[in-house]
Amino acid sequence: MTAFRAAVLEHFRRPRNRRALEDANAAADGANPLCGDRVRVQLRIDDDVIRAAAFTADACAICIAAASVLTEQVRGMTRTEARQVSVAHVHRALDGAPPPARAKCASLPVDTLHRALDSASTS
């Protein structure tokens, strides 16, 4: 089994932060109409720092794994730092990239995170 596949399966079977975030002050929904993946990213941002990140999803294993590693990575980052997170960060965390036909599965959570950051209503 490749390292990528093992990492995806680990995060799919035991996703980190897969829950609704009750005290979120930033959120966005994302969808891939071609495959049906749907993901919601929620953040709690205080003093410009992401204190909590969570997601809910009705999606494939790659999308769920990407959202899982992404929500782990951004916790503790400033909004500026989190805006710099790219799909390359997710690929590194998952020990590889998905096949080209499944690239959108890994990028959907990243795009949704960036929209959530744009929606932030912090004081």
Protein backbone atom coordinates (compact mmCIF):
# COMPACT_ATOMS: atom_id res chain seq x y z
CA MET A 1 0.00 0.00 0.00
CA THR A 2 1.37 3.42 -0.90
CA ALA A 3 2.02 6.02 1.80
CA PHE A 4 -0.66 8.26 0.22
CA ARG A 5 -3.29 5.55 0.32
CA ALA A 6 -2.42 4.63 3.92
CA ALA A 7 -2.64 8.27 5.04
CA VAL A 8 -5.98 8.76 3.27
CA LEU A 9 -7.43 5.62 4.80
CA GLU A 10 -6.23 6.61 8.29
CA HIS A 11 -7.87 10.04 8.07
CA PHE A 12 -11.00 8.65 6.41
CA ARG A 13 -11.49 6.00 9.07
CA ARG A 14 -10.54 8.28 11.97
CA PRO A 15 -11.08 11.85 10.77
CA ARG A 16 -9.86 14.58 13.06
CA ASN A 17 -12.22 17.47 13.82
CA ARG A 18 -15.21 15.99 11.94
CA ARG A 19 -18.01 17.68 13.83
CA ALA A 20 -20.06 20.85 13.91
CA LEU A 21 -18.24 23.70 15.64
CA GLU A 22 -20.88 25.30 17.85
CA ASP A 23 -19.05 28.56 18.55
CA ALA A 24 -17.76 29.14 15.00
CA ASN A 25 -17.47 32.73 13.80
CA ALA A 26 -16.39 31.80 10.27
CA ALA A 27 -17.80 29.14 7.95
CA ALA A 28 -18.18 28.20 4.32
CA ASP A 29 -19.71 25.41 2.29
CA GLY A 30 -18.09 23.82 -0.72
CA ALA A 31 -19.34 21.34 -3.28
CA ASN A 32 -18.07 19.52 -6.33
CA PRO A 33 -21.11 19.04 -8.57
CA LEU A 34 -19.22 16.57 -10.79
CA CYS A 35 -18.77 13.94 -8.07
CA GLY A 36 -21.18 15.07 -5.37
CA ASP A 37 -18.63 15.87 -2.64
CA ARG A 38 -19.93 18.42 -0.13
CA VAL A 39 -17.91 19.90 2.73
CA ARG A 40 -18.47 22.60 5.34
CA VAL A 41 -15.50 24.18 7.13
CA GLN A 42 -16.08 26.06 10.37
CA LEU A 43 -13.55 28.11 12.31
CA ARG A 44 -13.38 29.93 15.61
CA ILE A 45 -11.04 32.87 15.24
CA ASP A 46 -10.07 35.02 18.21
CA ASP A 47 -7.49 37.82 18.09
CA ASP A 48 -6.79 36.90 14.44
CA VAL A 49 -5.72 33.34 15.42
CA ILE A 50 -7.61 30.19 14.48
CA ARG A 51 -8.41 28.67 17.86
CA ALA A 52 -10.56 25.81 16.51
CA ALA A 53 -11.28 24.29 13.10
CA ALA A 54 -13.79 21.60 12.22
CA PHE A 55 -15.57 20.19 9.22
CA THR A 56 -18.61 18.20 8.23
CA ALA A 57 -18.75 16.36 4.94
CA ASP A 58 -20.68 14.04 2.73
CA ALA A 59 -17.74 13.21 0.53
CA CYS A 60 -15.25 10.66 -0.71
CA ALA A 61 -12.30 9.36 1.29
CA ILE A 62 -9.79 11.76 -0.28
CA CYS A 63 -11.94 14.83 0.45
CA ILE A 64 -12.57 13.75 4.04
CA ALA A 65 -8.88 13.00 4.59
CA ALA A 66 -7.92 16.38 3.11
CA ALA A 67 -10.38 18.19 5.39
CA SER A 68 -9.09 16.22 8.37
CA VAL A 69 -5.43 17.13 7.84
CA LEU A 70 -6.33 20.69 6.90
CA THR A 71 -8.27 21.36 10.10
CA GLU A 72 -5.34 19.95 12.08
CA GLN A 73 -2.82 22.12 10.23
CA VAL A 74 -4.55 25.50 10.53
CA ARG A 75 -5.27 25.43 14.24
CA GLY A 76 -3.00 28.02 15.87
CA MET A 77 -2.32 29.88 12.62
CA THR A 78 -3.20 33.50 12.01
CA ARG A 79 -5.68 34.25 9.25
CA THR A 80 -2.80 35.48 7.08
CA GLU A 81 -0.86 32.25 7.60
CA ALA A 82 -3.95 30.13 6.90
CA ARG A 83 -4.58 31.99 3.63
CA GLN A 84 -1.17 30.73 2.49
CA VAL A 85 -2.16 27.08 2.98
CA SER A 86 -2.44 25.43 -0.40
CA VAL A 87 -3.33 22.04 -1.76
CA ALA A 88 0.43 21.32 -1.75
CA HIS A 89 0.30 21.44 2.07
CA VAL A 90 -2.47 18.82 2.00
CA HIS A 91 -0.49 16.64 -0.42
CA ARG A 92 2.52 16.73 1.91
CA ALA A 93 0.37 15.87 4.93
CA LEU A 94 -1.14 12.92 3.03
CA ASP A 95 2.24 11.70 1.74
CA GLY A 96 1.35 12.33 -1.88
CA ALA A 97 -1.15 13.66 -4.36
CA PRO A 98 -4.29 11.96 -5.62
CA PRO A 99 -4.55 10.85 -9.23
CA PRO A 100 -5.21 13.81 -11.57
CA ALA A 101 -8.87 12.84 -12.01
CA ARG A 102 -9.32 13.15 -8.23
CA ALA A 103 -7.37 16.40 -7.71
CA LYS A 104 -10.55 18.36 -6.93
CA CYS A 105 -11.26 15.98 -4.04
CA ALA A 106 -8.16 17.26 -2.21
CA SER A 107 -8.52 20.91 -3.24
CA LEU A 108 -12.20 21.35 -2.29
CA PRO A 109 -11.50 21.61 1.49
CA VAL A 110 -8.67 24.12 0.84
CA ASP A 111 -10.92 26.31 -1.33
CA THR A 112 -13.65 26.07 1.31
CA LEU A 113 -11.20 27.04 4.08
CA HIS A 114 -10.21 30.17 2.15
CA ARG A 115 -13.88 31.16 1.74
CA ALA A 116 -14.44 30.54 5.48
CA LEU A 117 -11.54 32.88 6.26
CA ASP A 118 -13.17 35.53 4.07
CA SER A 119 -16.43 35.14 6.01
CA ALA A 120 -14.84 35.63 9.44
CA SER A 121 -16.73 37.93 11.77
CA THR A 122 -14.17 38.54 14.47
CA SER A 123 -13.86 41.45 16.80
